[in-house]
Each structure stands twice: as structure tokens, then as C-alpha cells.
């Protein structure tokens, strides 16, 4: 079975394209998904051949539905204020 990555990056000349690939979840920003996006941007940022970074989606239907409130409520219920602060940061 082919497993799709949540965040996919590729180079097109001097353009770095980062594709958000969780449209089945409306690209909701979970902590792990946010880390993957950050890592992709940082990786392209240190590549001196990349002049522009373009964020897009797989099908263009939903760029991002924003914050994952279930994660926030979990952190709050567990008293994990540091994790909640980091997530919102």
C-alpha cells in the first residue's frame, strides 16, 4: 500500500514547493503537522538555490482549517500548559 506523506516538498528551479497533503483532515494544524511544515520550510531555507518558497495543497480545496482544538483541549485537560503554550506559539 502506498502511504502518502502529510507534507511533500520539491524543487522547481529556484522555487521550493511545499504541498500540504492532509486535505482529508482539512489540513488542520496538529502539533506533528506543524512540525513537518516547519521542517520543510527550514530545509528549503538553508538551500541557497531556493529563492522562493510556495505553500500549496494537493487539490486546492482547503488550504488550512486552522488550529486543532481537540489537541488544545487535551493539553488543557491534562494540565500540560507548557505543551499548550508551545503549540500556540
PDB file of N, CA and C in Angstrom:
ATOM      1  N   UNK A   1       0.851  -1.179   0.000  1.00  0.00           N
ATOM      2  CA  UNK A   1       0.000   0.000   0.000  1.00  0.00           C
ATOM      3  C   UNK A   1       0.896   1.241   0.000  1.00  0.00           C
ATOM      4  N   UNK A   2       0.556   2.200  -0.806  1.00  0.00           N
ATOM      5  CA  UNK A   2       1.288   3.457  -0.889  1.00  0.00           C
ATOM      6  C   UNK A   2       0.841   4.387   0.229  1.00  0.00           C
ATOM      7  N   UNK A   3       1.806   4.855   1.032  1.00  0.00           N
ATOM      8  CA  UNK A   3       1.472   5.782   2.112  1.00  0.00           C
ATOM      9  C   UNK A   3       1.845   7.191   1.681  1.00  0.00           C
ATOM     10  N   UNK A   4       0.890   8.100   1.793  1.00  0.00           N
ATOM     11  CA  UNK A   4       1.123   9.488   1.407  1.00  0.00           C
ATOM     12  C   UNK A   4       1.723  10.247   2.578  1.00  0.00           C
ATOM     13  N   UNK A   5       2.658  11.113   2.287  1.00  0.00           N
ATOM     14  CA  UNK A   5       3.239  11.965   3.309  1.00  0.00           C
ATOM     15  C   UNK A   5       2.335  13.168   3.518  1.00  0.00           C
ATOM     16  N   UNK A   6       2.283  13.638   4.773  1.00  0.00           N
ATOM     17  CA  UNK A   6       1.439  14.788   5.093  1.00  0.00           C
ATOM     18  C   UNK A   6       1.962  16.073   4.470  1.00  0.00           C
ATOM     19  N   UNK A   7       3.273  16.194   4.373  1.00  0.00           N
ATOM     20  CA  UNK A   7       3.898  17.377   3.785  1.00  0.00           C
ATOM     21  C   UNK A   7       4.917  16.887   2.761  1.00  0.00           C
ATOM     22  N   UNK A   8       4.797  17.391   1.544  1.00  0.00           N
ATOM     23  CA  UNK A   8       5.705  16.985   0.479  1.00  0.00           C
ATOM     24  C   UNK A   8       6.407  18.220  -0.075  1.00  0.00           C
ATOM     25  N   UNK A   9       7.701  18.109  -0.276  1.00  0.00           N
ATOM     26  CA  UNK A   9       8.462  19.222  -0.830  1.00  0.00           C
ATOM     27  C   UNK A   9       9.165  18.822  -2.103  1.00  0.00           C
ATOM     28  N   UNK A  10       9.314  19.782  -3.000  1.00  0.00           N
ATOM     29  CA  UNK A  10      10.068  19.544  -4.233  1.00  0.00           C
ATOM     30  C   UNK A  10      10.623  20.867  -4.725  1.00  0.00           C
ATOM     31  N   UNK A  11      11.657  20.771  -5.518  1.00  0.00           N
ATOM     32  CA  UNK A  11      12.274  21.958  -6.114  1.00  0.00           C
ATOM     33  C   UNK A  11      11.909  22.037  -7.580  1.00  0.00           C
ATOM     34  N   UNK A  12      11.609  23.246  -8.022  1.00  0.00           N
ATOM     35  CA  UNK A  12      11.398  23.531  -9.444  1.00  0.00           C
ATOM     36  C   UNK A  12      12.279  24.725  -9.759  1.00  0.00           C
ATOM     37  N   UNK A  13      13.529  24.450 -10.118  1.00  0.00           N
ATOM     38  CA  UNK A  13      14.480  25.525 -10.324  1.00  0.00           C
ATOM     39  C   UNK A  13      14.768  26.204  -8.997  1.00  0.00           C
ATOM     40  N   UNK A  14      14.536  27.508  -8.928  1.00  0.00           N
ATOM     41  CA  UNK A  14      14.779  28.244  -7.688  1.00  0.00           C
ATOM     42  C   UNK A  14      13.522  28.347  -6.808  1.00  0.00           C
ATOM     43  N   UNK A  15      12.457  27.653  -7.213  1.00  0.00           N
ATOM     44  CA  UNK A  15      11.202  27.655  -6.464  1.00  0.00           C
ATOM     45  C   UNK A  15      11.092  26.382  -5.635  1.00  0.00           C
ATOM     46  N   UNK A  16      10.924  26.540  -4.328  1.00  0.00           N
ATOM     47  CA  UNK A  16      10.654  25.408  -3.457  1.00  0.00           C
ATOM     48  C   UNK A  16       9.158  25.317  -3.247  1.00  0.00           C
ATOM     49  N   UNK A  17       8.579  24.169  -3.554  1.00  0.00           N
ATOM     50  CA  UNK A  17       7.135  23.968  -3.417  1.00  0.00           C
ATOM     51  C   UNK A  17       6.887  23.017  -2.252  1.00  0.00           C
ATOM     52  N   UNK A  18       6.107  23.479  -1.284  1.00  0.00           N
ATOM     53  CA  UNK A  18       5.722  22.655  -0.144  1.00  0.00           C
ATOM     54  C   UNK A  18       4.226  22.417  -0.246  1.00  0.00           C
ATOM     55  N   UNK A  19       3.884  21.143  -0.365  1.00  0.00           N
ATOM     56  CA  UNK A  19       2.474  20.775  -0.554  1.00  0.00           C
ATOM     57  C   UNK A  19       1.915  20.162   0.726  1.00  0.00           C
ATOM     58  N   UNK A  20       0.853  20.773   1.248  1.00  0.00           N
ATOM     59  CA  UNK A  20       0.149  20.235   2.410  1.00  0.00           C
ATOM     60  C   UNK A  20      -0.791  19.153   1.900  1.00  0.00           C
ATOM     61  N   UNK A  21      -0.662  17.951   2.461  1.00  0.00           N
ATOM     62  CA  UNK A  21      -1.343  16.797   1.886  1.00  0.00           C
ATOM     63  C   UNK A  21      -2.242  16.095   2.911  1.00  0.00           C
ATOM     64  N   UNK A  22      -2.968  16.883   3.703  1.00  0.00           N
ATOM     65  CA  UNK A  22      -3.911  16.304   4.662  1.00  0.00           C
ATOM     66  C   UNK A  22      -5.305  16.875   4.424  1.00  0.00           C
ATOM     67  N   UNK A  23      -5.684  16.974   3.180  1.00  0.00           N
ATOM     68  CA  UNK A  23      -6.990  17.566   2.875  1.00  0.00           C
ATOM     69  C   UNK A  23      -8.135  16.720   3.414  1.00  0.00           C
ATOM     70  N   UNK A  24      -7.904  15.422   3.619  1.00  0.00           N
ATOM     71  CA  UNK A  24      -8.940  14.582   4.229  1.00  0.00           C
ATOM     72  C   UNK A  24      -9.233  15.042   5.654  1.00  0.00           C
ATOM     73  N   UNK A  25      -8.305  15.806   6.271  1.00  0.00           N
ATOM     74  CA  UNK A  25      -8.489  16.401   7.595  1.00  0.00           C
ATOM     75  C   UNK A  25      -8.482  17.928   7.496  1.00  0.00           C
ATOM     76  N   UNK A  26      -8.723  18.445   6.314  1.00  0.00           N
ATOM     77  CA  UNK A  26      -8.769  19.889   6.056  1.00  0.00           C
ATOM     78  C   UNK A  26      -7.482  20.601   6.457  1.00  0.00           C
ATOM     79  N   UNK A  27      -6.370  19.879   6.412  1.00  0.00           N
ATOM     80  CA  UNK A  27      -5.049  20.422   6.764  1.00  0.00           C
ATOM     81  C   UNK A  27      -5.045  21.125   8.129  1.00  0.00           C
ATOM     82  N   UNK A  28      -5.775  20.553   9.087  1.00  0.00           N
ATOM     83  CA  UNK A  28      -5.808  21.105  10.449  1.00  0.00           C
ATOM     84  C   UNK A  28      -4.407  21.045  11.036  1.00  0.00           C
ATOM     85  N   UNK A  29      -4.017  22.108  11.717  1.00  0.00           N
ATOM     86  CA  UNK A  29      -2.665  22.253  12.237  1.00  0.00           C
ATOM     87  C   UNK A  29      -2.483  21.525  13.565  1.00  0.00           C
ATOM     88  N   UNK A  30      -2.233  20.227  13.489  1.00  0.00           N
ATOM     89  CA  UNK A  30      -1.880  19.461  14.678  1.00  0.00           C
ATOM     90  C   UNK A  30      -0.414  19.752  15.005  1.00  0.00           C
ATOM     91  N   UNK A  31       0.026  19.438  16.224  1.00  0.00           N
ATOM     92  CA  UNK A  31       1.436  19.686  16.557  1.00  0.00           C
ATOM     93  C   UNK A  31       2.406  18.983  15.598  1.00  0.00           C
ATOM     94  N   UNK A  32       2.141  17.733  15.257  1.00  0.00           N
ATOM     95  CA  UNK A  32       3.036  16.997  14.366  1.00  0.00           C
ATOM     96  C   UNK A  32       3.032  17.583  12.955  1.00  0.00           C
ATOM     97  N   UNK A  33       1.858  17.924  12.461  1.00  0.00           N
ATOM     98  CA  UNK A  33       1.739  18.502  11.121  1.00  0.00           C
ATOM     99  C   UNK A  33       2.474  19.843  11.051  1.00  0.00           C
ATOM    100  N   UNK A  34       2.341  20.655  12.100  1.00  0.00           N
ATOM    101  CA  UNK A  34       3.029  21.946  12.160  1.00  0.00           C
ATOM    102  C   UNK A  34       4.545  21.748  12.151  1.00  0.00           C
ATOM    103  N   UNK A  35       5.032  20.747  12.883  1.00  0.00           N
ATOM    104  CA  UNK A  35       6.477  20.446  12.900  1.00  0.00           C
ATOM    105  C   UNK A  35       6.963  20.047  11.516  1.00  0.00           C
ATOM    106  N   UNK A  36       6.152  19.260  10.803  1.00  0.00           N
ATOM    107  CA  UNK A  36       6.543  18.836   9.459  1.00  0.00           C
ATOM    108  C   UNK A  36       6.628  20.030   8.499  1.00  0.00           C
ATOM    109  N   UNK A  37       5.673  20.932   8.599  1.00  0.00           N
ATOM    110  CA  UNK A  37       5.687  22.128   7.745  1.00  0.00           C
ATOM    111  C   UNK A  37       6.913  22.967   8.073  1.00  0.00           C
ATOM    112  N   UNK A  38       7.165  23.183   9.367  1.00  0.00           N
ATOM    113  CA  UNK A  38       8.313  23.974   9.799  1.00  0.00           C
ATOM    114  C   UNK A  38       9.611  23.358   9.298  1.00  0.00           C
ATOM    115  N   UNK A  39       9.748  22.046   9.447  1.00  0.00           N
ATOM    116  CA  UNK A  39      10.961  21.359   8.994  1.00  0.00           C
ATOM    117  C   UNK A  39      11.150  21.519   7.480  1.00  0.00           C
ATOM    118  N   UNK A  40      10.076  21.442   6.725  1.00  0.00           N
ATOM    119  CA  UNK A  40      10.161  21.607   5.268  1.00  0.00           C
ATOM    120  C   UNK A  40      10.609  23.014   4.889  1.00  0.00           C
ATOM    121  N   UNK A  41      10.024  24.020   5.548  1.00  0.00           N
ATOM    122  CA  UNK A  41      10.400  25.409   5.264  1.00  0.00           C
ATOM    123  C   UNK A  41      11.857  25.646   5.649  1.00  0.00           C
ATOM    124  N   UNK A  42      12.267  25.158   6.816  1.00  0.00           N
ATOM    125  CA  UNK A  42      13.655  25.341   7.256  1.00  0.00           C
ATOM    126  C   UNK A  42      14.641  24.659   6.313  1.00  0.00           C
ATOM    127  N   UNK A  43      14.296  23.467   5.845  1.00  0.00           N
ATOM    128  CA  UNK A  43      15.164  22.741   4.919  1.00  0.00           C
ATOM    129  C   UNK A  43      15.346  23.520   3.621  1.00  0.00           C
ATOM    130  N   UNK A  44      14.260  24.047   3.102  1.00  0.00           N
ATOM    131  CA  UNK A  44      14.360  24.820   1.861  1.00  0.00           C
ATOM    132  C   UNK A  44      15.062  26.155   2.096  1.00  0.00           C
ATOM    133  N   UNK A  45      14.895  26.714   3.269  1.00  0.00           N
ATOM    134  CA  UNK A  45      15.503  27.998   3.590  1.00  0.00           C
ATOM    135  C   UNK A  45      17.035  27.919   3.615  1.00  0.00           C
ATOM    136  N   UNK A  46      17.592  26.776   4.004  1.00  0.00           N
ATOM    137  CA  UNK A  46      19.054  26.657   4.045  1.00  0.00           C
ATOM    138  C   UNK A  46      19.645  26.266   2.688  1.00  0.00           C
ATOM    139  N   UNK A  47      18.795  25.912   1.738  1.00  0.00           N
ATOM    140  CA  UNK A  47      19.262  25.599   0.379  1.00  0.00           C
ATOM    141  C   UNK A  47      19.389  26.914  -0.384  1.00  0.00           C
ATOM    142  N   UNK A  48      20.613  27.306  -0.683  1.00  0.00           N
ATOM    143  CA  UNK A  48      20.859  28.608  -1.309  1.00  0.00           C
ATOM    144  C   UNK A  48      20.334  28.709  -2.740  1.00  0.00           C
ATOM    145  N   UNK A  49      19.968  27.579  -3.337  1.00  0.00           N
ATOM    146  CA  UNK A  49      19.402  27.637  -4.688  1.00  0.00           C
ATOM    147  C   UNK A  49      17.922  28.040  -4.656  1.00  0.00           C
ATOM    148  N   UNK A  50      17.290  27.931  -3.496  1.00  0.00           N
ATOM    149  CA  UNK A  50      15.867  28.273  -3.360  1.00  0.00           C
ATOM    150  C   UNK A  50      15.728  29.772  -3.115  1.00  0.00           C
ATOM    151  N   UNK A  51      15.009  30.443  -3.992  1.00  0.00           N
ATOM    152  CA  UNK A  51      14.779  31.887  -3.874  1.00  0.00           C
ATOM    153  C   UNK A  51      13.380  32.195  -3.344  1.00  0.00           C
ATOM    154  N   UNK A  52      12.435  31.301  -3.601  1.00  0.00           N
ATOM    155  CA  UNK A  52      11.049  31.476  -3.172  1.00  0.00           C
ATOM    156  C   UNK A  52      10.526  30.152  -2.638  1.00  0.00           C
ATOM    157  N   UNK A  53       9.671  30.221  -1.615  1.00  0.00           N
ATOM    158  CA  UNK A  53       9.004  29.040  -1.088  1.00  0.00           C
ATOM    159  C   UNK A  53       7.503  29.249  -1.259  1.00  0.00           C
ATOM    160  N   UNK A  54       6.867  28.283  -1.901  1.00  0.00           N
ATOM    161  CA  UNK A  54       5.442  28.362  -2.208  1.00  0.00           C
ATOM    162  C   UNK A  54       4.710  27.252  -1.461  1.00  0.00           C
ATOM    163  N   UNK A  55       3.759  27.623  -0.597  1.00  0.00           N
ATOM    164  CA  UNK A  55       2.929  26.645   0.107  1.00  0.00           C
ATOM    165  C   UNK A  55       1.644  26.443  -0.679  1.00  0.00           C
ATOM    166  N   UNK A  56       1.283  25.193  -0.894  1.00  0.00           N
ATOM    167  CA  UNK A  56       0.083  24.875  -1.652  1.00  0.00           C
ATOM    168  C   UNK A  56      -0.550  23.619  -1.073  1.00  0.00           C
ATOM    169  N   UNK A  57      -1.638  23.171  -1.674  1.00  0.00           N
ATOM    170  CA  UNK A  57      -2.319  21.955  -1.237  1.00  0.00           C
ATOM    171  C   UNK A  57      -2.368  20.955  -2.386  1.00  0.00           C
ATOM    172  N   UNK A  58      -2.748  19.737  -2.048  1.00  0.00           N
ATOM    173  CA  UNK A  58      -2.783  18.677  -3.053  1.00  0.00           C
ATOM    174  C   UNK A  58      -3.797  18.967  -4.155  1.00  0.00           C
ATOM    175  N   UNK A  59      -4.997  19.337  -3.764  1.00  0.00           N
ATOM    176  CA  UNK A  59      -6.066  19.547  -4.745  1.00  0.00           C
ATOM    177  C   UNK A  59      -6.600  20.961  -4.737  1.00  0.00           C
ATOM    178  N   UNK A  60      -6.101  21.793  -3.837  1.00  0.00           N
ATOM    179  CA  UNK A  60      -6.535  23.178  -3.786  1.00  0.00           C
ATOM    180  C   UNK A  60      -7.897  23.399  -3.160  1.00  0.00           C
ATOM    181  N   UNK A  61      -8.430  22.386  -2.495  1.00  0.00           N
ATOM    182  CA  UNK A  61      -9.773  22.528  -1.933  1.00  0.00           C
ATOM    183  C   UNK A  61      -9.782  23.281  -0.610  1.00  0.00           C
ATOM    184  N   UNK A  62      -8.858  22.935   0.274  1.00  0.00           N
ATOM    185  CA  UNK A  62      -8.834  23.538   1.601  1.00  0.00           C
ATOM    186  C   UNK A  62      -7.384  23.771   1.983  1.00  0.00           C
ATOM    187  N   UNK A  63      -6.960  25.038   2.015  1.00  0.00           N
ATOM    188  CA  UNK A  63      -5.562  25.294   2.357  1.00  0.00           C
ATOM    189  C   UNK A  63      -5.305  24.885   3.791  1.00  0.00           C
ATOM    190  N   UNK A  64      -6.114  25.379   4.726  1.00  0.00           N
ATOM    191  CA  UNK A  64      -5.932  25.032   6.130  1.00  0.00           C
ATOM    192  C   UNK A  64      -7.159  25.472   6.917  1.00  0.00           C
ATOM    193  N   UNK A  65      -7.637  24.578   7.774  1.00  0.00           N
ATOM    194  CA  UNK A  65      -8.779  24.910   8.625  1.00  0.00           C
ATOM    195  C   UNK A  65      -8.343  25.466   9.973  1.00  0.00           C
ATOM    196  N   UNK A  66      -7.053  25.705  10.150  1.00  0.00           N
ATOM    197  CA  UNK A  66      -6.570  26.349  11.366  1.00  0.00           C
ATOM    198  C   UNK A  66      -6.180  25.385  12.455  1.00  0.00           C
ATOM    199  N   UNK A  67      -6.386  25.822  13.681  1.00  0.00           N
ATOM    200  CA  UNK A  67      -5.932  25.121  14.872  1.00  0.00           C
ATOM    201  C   UNK A  67      -6.744  23.862  15.152  1.00  0.00           C
ATOM    202  N   UNK A  68      -6.060  22.867  15.703  1.00  0.00           N
ATOM    203  CA  UNK A  68      -6.704  21.631  16.126  1.00  0.00           C
ATOM    204  C   UNK A  68      -7.183  21.810  17.565  1.00  0.00           C
ATOM    205  N   UNK A  69      -8.443  22.113  17.746  1.00  0.00           N
ATOM    206  CA  UNK A  69      -8.977  22.387  19.079  1.00  0.00           C
ATOM    207  C   UNK A  69      -8.994  21.146  19.967  1.00  0.00           C
ATOM    208  N   UNK A  70      -9.070  19.961  19.378  1.00  0.00           N
ATOM    209  CA  UNK A  70      -9.010  18.743  20.191  1.00  0.00           C
ATOM    210  C   UNK A  70      -7.667  18.640  20.895  1.00  0.00           C
ATOM    211  N   UNK A  71      -6.599  18.989  20.198  1.00  0.00           N
ATOM    212  CA  UNK A  71      -5.272  18.979  20.811  1.00  0.00           C
ATOM    213  C   UNK A  71      -5.210  19.986  21.947  1.00  0.00           C
ATOM    214  N   UNK A  72      -5.741  21.178  21.725  1.00  0.00           N
ATOM    215  CA  UNK A  72      -5.724  22.208  22.763  1.00  0.00           C
ATOM    216  C   UNK A  72      -6.493  21.748  23.998  1.00  0.00           C
ATOM    217  N   UNK A  73      -7.653  21.159  23.794  1.00  0.00           N
ATOM    218  CA  UNK A  73      -8.462  20.696  24.921  1.00  0.00           C
ATOM    219  C   UNK A  73      -7.770  19.550  25.663  1.00  0.00           C
ATOM    220  N   UNK A  74      -7.083  18.688  24.933  1.00  0.00           N
ATOM    221  CA  UNK A  74      -6.331  17.597  25.561  1.00  0.00           C
ATOM    222  C   UNK A  74      -5.228  18.162  26.448  1.00  0.00           C
ATOM    223  N   UNK A  75      -4.436  19.103  25.916  1.00  0.00           N
ATOM    224  CA  UNK A  75      -3.367  19.704  26.707  1.00  0.00           C
ATOM    225  C   UNK A  75      -3.929  20.372  27.964  1.00  0.00           C
ATOM    226  N   UNK A  76      -5.051  21.060  27.818  1.00  0.00           N
ATOM    227  CA  UNK A  76      -5.664  21.737  28.959  1.00  0.00           C
ATOM    228  C   UNK A  76      -6.157  20.735  29.998  1.00  0.00           C
ATOM    229  N   UNK A  77      -6.846  19.697  29.548  1.00  0.00           N
ATOM    230  CA  UNK A  77      -7.385  18.693  30.465  1.00  0.00           C
ATOM    231  C   UNK A  77      -6.283  17.956  31.218  1.00  0.00           C
ATOM    232  N   UNK A  78      -5.143  17.763  30.568  1.00  0.00           N
ATOM    233  CA  UNK A  78      -4.028  17.052  31.192  1.00  0.00           C
ATOM    234  C   UNK A  78      -3.119  17.985  31.987  1.00  0.00           C
ATOM    235  N   UNK A  79      -3.451  19.274  32.026  1.00  0.00           N
ATOM    236  CA  UNK A  79      -2.623  20.231  32.752  1.00  0.00           C
ATOM    237  C   UNK A  79      -1.273  20.473  32.103  1.00  0.00           C
ATOM    238  N   UNK A  80      -1.188  20.235  30.809  1.00  0.00           N
ATOM    239  CA  UNK A  80       0.073  20.381  30.069  1.00  0.00           C
ATOM    240  C   UNK A  80       0.170  21.794  29.487  1.00  0.00           C
ATOM    241  N   UNK A  81       0.298  22.767  30.379  1.00  0.00           N
ATOM    242  CA  UNK A  81       0.301  24.167  29.953  1.00  0.00           C
ATOM    243  C   UNK A  81       1.524  24.517  29.092  1.00  0.00           C
ATOM    244  N   UNK A  82       2.662  23.900  29.387  1.00  0.00           N
ATOM    245  CA  UNK A  82       3.871  24.163  28.590  1.00  0.00           C
ATOM    246  C   UNK A  82       3.675  23.695  27.146  1.00  0.00           C
ATOM    247  N   UNK A  83       3.105  22.490  26.955  1.00  0.00           N
ATOM    248  CA  UNK A  83       2.848  21.980  25.615  1.00  0.00           C
ATOM    249  C   UNK A  83       1.818  22.846  24.885  1.00  0.00           C
ATOM    250  N   UNK A  84       0.813  23.303  25.616  1.00  0.00           N
ATOM    251  CA  UNK A  84      -0.208  24.165  25.021  1.00  0.00           C
ATOM    252  C   UNK A  84       0.413  25.484  24.580  1.00  0.00           C
ATOM    253  N   UNK A  85       1.277  26.044  25.421  1.00  0.00           N
ATOM    254  CA  UNK A  85       1.957  27.307  25.077  1.00  0.00           C
ATOM    255  C   UNK A  85       2.833  27.113  23.848  1.00  0.00           C
ATOM    256  N   UNK A  86       3.583  26.017  23.792  1.00  0.00           N
ATOM    257  CA  UNK A  86       4.431  25.743  22.629  1.00  0.00           C
ATOM    258  C   UNK A  86       3.600  25.566  21.365  1.00  0.00           C
ATOM    259  N   UNK A  87       2.478  24.848  21.477  1.00  0.00           N
ATOM    260  CA  UNK A  87       1.616  24.615  20.335  1.00  0.00           C
ATOM    261  C   UNK A  87       1.061  25.913  19.779  1.00  0.00           C
ATOM    262  N   UNK A  88       0.602  26.774  20.672  1.00  0.00           N
ATOM    263  CA  UNK A  88       0.036  28.049  20.226  1.00  0.00           C
ATOM    264  C   UNK A  88       1.104  29.031  19.754  1.00  0.00           C
ATOM    265  N   UNK A  89       2.332  28.830  20.203  1.00  0.00           N
ATOM    266  CA  UNK A  89       3.438  29.698  19.778  1.00  0.00           C
ATOM    267  C   UNK A  89       3.788  29.464  18.352  1.00  0.00           C
TER     268      UNK A  89
END
